[in-house]
Structure formats: C-alpha cells, structure tokens
Amino acid sequence: MTDTELPAVPDRVDPPFVAGERAMLESWLDFHRATLLHKCSGLDAAQLRSRSVPPSSLSLLGLVRHMTDVERYWFRYVMLGEDVAPVYWDETGEDGDFDAVDTADASADLAAYGAMVETCRAAAVQVDDLDSPAVQQRYGRAVSFRWILVHMVEEYARHNGHADLLRERIDGSTGD
C-alpha cells in the first residue's frame, strides 16, 4: 500500500439505545473509533498532514497517531501491564505523534492505528469484569476497566471535536 492508497474506512454503527453497561461503553468506543477514521476519509496524505493554525501542530494524521498511542497505553500498558513501547513518541520527542507528521507515511500510520485498535479490542476481551483493576496504577491509584472505557470514550469525543474542525478547514466538510 502506498502513501496515496489509504485504507478503507469502516462503517460507523450507531450505539444501541438500550444495552448492558459493557456493551454500551464498547459500542460508544467503537463508534468514536470509526468517527475518527470517517473524518479522515476521502483525503489524501497531504491533507491528512495539514496543520490547523500556527503555532498548533494539530492535524488529522497527528490525531490518528496520538490515538494509536492512547489505545496502546490504556489497554495494553495500564490494563494488562504489557511492556510495550510508545509507537510515535519518546523522551526526546514527547509530542512525536503530532510533531513528526510532515514526512510520515499516512497509509502506514492509518494501518498501524487499525492494527492497534484490533489488538486493544482483543486485550479488552481478556477482562471479565468492569470493576477489574488495571495492572498499572495511575498517579498511585487503582484504575478500573470501567474507568478506562469511559476515559477512552471521553478522549475520542474530545479529539473527534478537533477532527471536525480540522476537516472543515481542509475541505469544508461538516457533520458527525
């Protein structure tokens, strides 16, 4: 796949109006995951790399890269305690997910995001109970699987708002 052959965007499925708590949380998370990709659909690599306004380094591709690392951090590192290194940042460049997009391969980054989401879905299946504590603590305090799911919905919702504005700036497209 070349930089101009971007992966297909999955269909967005509206979350159910009535469901159990876990199904509801996972449905909203999947909806927001698909929304981020929907905001990127139909754009070429240069448009995905396009920044908002100076001095911000915000771009749609940066959001995809950021959420790749957010997924990895919360599901694999915090929840399961896996020793997995960040994908796009390190101590010398803590904002590499956003800052290093100018020469990034958009297709590879979108594929990495998709693979990470699938890996994190598989990680979530390993957790039986929403009240299960994560292996890692956050600021010295226990974190439940429920908290992680709610936080992930919040994280995506906030960044999808950014994606709305970025997409409108790129080509005038608006909508959910």
Protein backbone atom coordinates (compact mmCIF):
# COMPACT_ATOMS: atom_id res chain seq x y z
CA MET A 1 0.00 0.00 0.00
CA THR A 2 1.47 3.35 -0.96
CA ASP A 3 1.04 6.67 0.78
CA THR A 4 -1.71 7.55 -1.69
CA GLU A 5 -3.59 4.26 -1.17
CA LEU A 6 -5.21 4.86 2.17
CA PRO A 7 -7.06 2.04 3.96
CA ALA A 8 -10.83 1.75 3.64
CA VAL A 9 -12.90 3.36 6.35
CA PRO A 10 -15.16 1.05 8.38
CA ASP A 11 -18.87 1.73 8.56
CA ARG A 12 -19.99 3.59 11.66
CA VAL A 13 -22.61 1.72 13.64
CA ASP A 14 -24.78 3.80 15.94
CA PRO A 15 -24.57 2.62 19.55
CA PRO A 16 -27.71 0.92 20.86
CA PHE A 17 -30.25 2.92 22.85
CA VAL A 18 -30.63 0.05 25.31
CA ALA A 19 -27.83 -2.34 26.25
CA GLY A 20 -25.87 -3.57 29.22
CA GLU A 21 -23.18 -1.26 30.55
CA ARG A 22 -20.22 -3.02 28.95
CA ALA A 23 -21.92 -3.36 25.58
CA MET A 24 -22.93 0.30 25.73
CA LEU A 25 -19.41 1.51 26.58
CA GLU A 26 -17.75 -0.68 23.96
CA SER A 27 -20.31 0.40 21.33
CA TRP A 28 -19.66 4.08 22.01
CA LEU A 29 -15.91 3.48 21.90
CA ASP A 30 -16.19 1.70 18.55
CA PHE A 31 -18.45 4.47 17.24
CA HIS A 32 -15.84 7.08 18.13
CA ARG A 33 -13.01 4.99 16.68
CA ALA A 34 -14.91 4.81 13.39
CA THR A 35 -15.75 8.52 13.58
CA LEU A 36 -12.07 9.46 13.67
CA LEU A 37 -11.46 7.40 10.54
CA HIS A 38 -14.59 8.84 8.93
CA LYS A 39 -13.14 12.34 9.45
CA CYS A 40 -10.02 11.20 7.57
CA SER A 41 -11.87 9.50 4.71
CA GLY A 42 -11.55 10.83 1.20
CA LEU A 43 -8.47 12.90 1.97
CA ASP A 44 -5.03 12.40 0.54
CA ALA A 45 -1.86 12.11 2.63
CA ALA A 46 -1.00 15.80 2.29
CA GLN A 47 -4.44 16.80 3.53
CA LEU A 48 -4.18 14.39 6.46
CA ARG A 49 -0.85 16.01 7.40
CA SER A 50 -2.28 19.53 7.06
CA ARG A 51 -1.91 21.53 10.30
CA SER A 52 -4.64 23.61 11.88
CA VAL A 53 -3.26 27.08 12.64
CA PRO A 54 0.16 28.14 13.95
CA PRO A 55 1.55 27.51 16.46
CA SER A 56 -0.54 24.33 16.82
CA SER A 57 0.87 21.11 15.41
CA LEU A 58 -2.62 19.55 15.31
CA SER A 59 -3.51 17.54 12.19
CA LEU A 60 -5.84 14.67 11.38
CA LEU A 61 -2.88 12.35 10.91
CA GLY A 62 -1.48 13.53 14.24
CA LEU A 63 -4.78 12.65 15.90
CA VAL A 64 -4.68 9.16 14.38
CA ARG A 65 -1.10 8.70 15.58
CA HIS A 66 -1.97 10.09 19.02
CA MET A 67 -4.92 7.73 19.41
CA THR A 68 -2.73 4.79 18.37
CA ASP A 69 -0.53 5.52 21.37
CA VAL A 70 -3.50 6.27 23.64
CA GLU A 71 -5.05 2.89 22.78
CA ARG A 72 -1.71 1.16 23.42
CA TYR A 73 -1.16 2.95 26.71
CA TRP A 74 -4.56 2.37 28.30
CA PHE A 75 -5.41 -1.13 27.13
CA ARG A 76 -2.03 -2.81 26.82
CA TYR A 77 0.21 -0.99 29.31
CA VAL A 78 -2.18 0.16 32.05
CA MET A 79 -4.91 -2.50 31.90
CA LEU A 80 -2.86 -5.58 31.10
CA GLY A 81 0.57 -4.45 32.28
CA GLU A 82 2.29 -5.31 28.98
CA ASP A 83 5.74 -3.82 28.50
CA VAL A 84 5.02 -2.08 25.18
CA ALA A 85 6.95 0.93 23.97
CA PRO A 86 5.22 4.03 22.61
CA VAL A 87 4.74 3.99 18.85
CA TYR A 88 5.28 7.66 17.94
CA TRP A 89 6.94 9.42 20.85
CA ASP A 90 9.85 9.04 23.22
CA GLU A 91 11.57 11.08 25.91
CA THR A 92 13.31 13.22 23.28
CA GLY A 93 10.05 13.98 21.49
CA GLU A 94 7.01 13.59 23.72
CA ASP A 95 4.76 15.08 21.02
CA GLY A 96 6.15 12.99 18.16
CA ASP A 97 2.64 11.76 17.40
CA PHE A 98 1.68 15.33 16.43
CA ASP A 99 5.00 16.97 15.60
CA ALA A 100 6.55 14.36 13.28
CA VAL A 101 3.81 14.10 10.63
CA ASP A 102 5.39 16.17 7.84
CA THR A 103 7.15 13.18 6.30
CA ALA A 104 5.03 10.46 7.91
CA ASP A 105 3.54 7.70 5.77
CA ALA A 106 -0.20 8.30 6.21
CA SER A 107 -1.14 4.89 4.90
CA ALA A 108 1.23 3.12 7.29
CA ASP A 109 0.06 5.24 10.21
CA LEU A 110 -3.62 4.52 9.47
CA ALA A 111 -2.81 0.81 9.16
CA ALA A 112 -0.91 0.93 12.47
CA TYR A 113 -3.92 2.58 14.07
CA GLY A 114 -6.26 -0.11 12.74
CA ALA A 115 -3.95 -2.86 13.96
CA MET A 116 -3.66 -1.27 17.39
CA VAL A 117 -7.43 -0.96 17.72
CA GLU A 118 -7.81 -4.66 16.88
CA THR A 119 -5.08 -5.57 19.38
CA CYS A 120 -6.78 -3.46 22.05
CA ARG A 121 -10.19 -4.99 21.33
CA ALA A 122 -8.58 -8.40 21.89
CA ALA A 123 -6.99 -7.09 25.11
CA ALA A 124 -10.38 -5.88 26.36
CA VAL A 125 -11.89 -9.33 25.81
CA GLN A 126 -9.39 -10.66 28.37
CA VAL A 127 -11.01 -8.54 31.10
CA ASP A 128 -14.13 -10.17 32.54
CA ASP A 129 -15.44 -7.51 34.89
CA LEU A 130 -15.81 -3.75 34.51
CA ASP A 131 -14.65 -3.38 38.11
CA SER A 132 -11.42 -5.29 37.44
CA PRO A 133 -8.45 -3.18 38.47
CA ALA A 134 -5.77 -2.45 35.92
CA VAL A 135 -2.31 -3.92 36.47
CA GLN A 136 -0.74 -0.45 36.43
CA GLN A 137 -1.86 2.38 38.65
CA ARG A 138 -2.45 5.96 37.55
CA TYR A 139 -0.94 8.59 39.84
CA GLY A 140 -0.55 5.92 42.52
CA ARG A 141 -4.23 4.97 42.45
CA ALA A 142 -6.06 1.92 41.16
CA VAL A 143 -7.92 2.28 37.87
CA SER A 144 -10.84 0.04 36.88
CA PHE A 145 -11.58 -1.30 33.43
CA ARG A 146 -14.83 0.74 33.55
CA TRP A 147 -12.84 3.93 34.14
CA ILE A 148 -10.58 3.11 31.18
CA LEU A 149 -13.55 2.57 28.86
CA VAL A 150 -15.23 5.80 29.98
CA HIS A 151 -11.95 7.68 29.64
CA MET A 152 -11.39 6.31 26.13
CA VAL A 153 -14.87 7.45 25.05
CA GLU A 154 -14.09 10.90 26.50
CA GLU A 155 -10.67 11.02 24.83
CA TYR A 156 -12.10 10.14 21.43
CA ALA A 157 -15.05 12.52 21.80
CA ARG A 158 -12.73 15.42 22.59
CA HIS A 159 -10.36 14.65 19.73
CA ASN A 160 -13.21 13.98 17.30
CA GLY A 161 -14.31 17.55 18.01
CA HIS A 162 -10.84 18.66 16.94
CA ALA A 163 -11.16 16.41 13.87
CA ASP A 164 -14.46 18.10 12.95
CA LEU A 165 -12.76 21.48 12.88
CA LEU A 166 -9.70 20.21 11.02
CA ARG A 167 -11.81 18.52 8.36
CA GLU A 168 -13.96 21.61 7.87
CA ARG A 169 -10.80 23.70 7.45
CA ILE A 170 -9.40 21.27 4.86
CA ASP A 171 -12.37 20.89 2.55
CA GLY A 172 -15.45 22.44 4.14
CA SER A 173 -16.92 19.05 5.07
CA THR A 174 -19.08 19.11 8.21
CA GLY A 175 -21.22 16.59 10.05
CA ASP A 176 -20.87 13.85 12.63
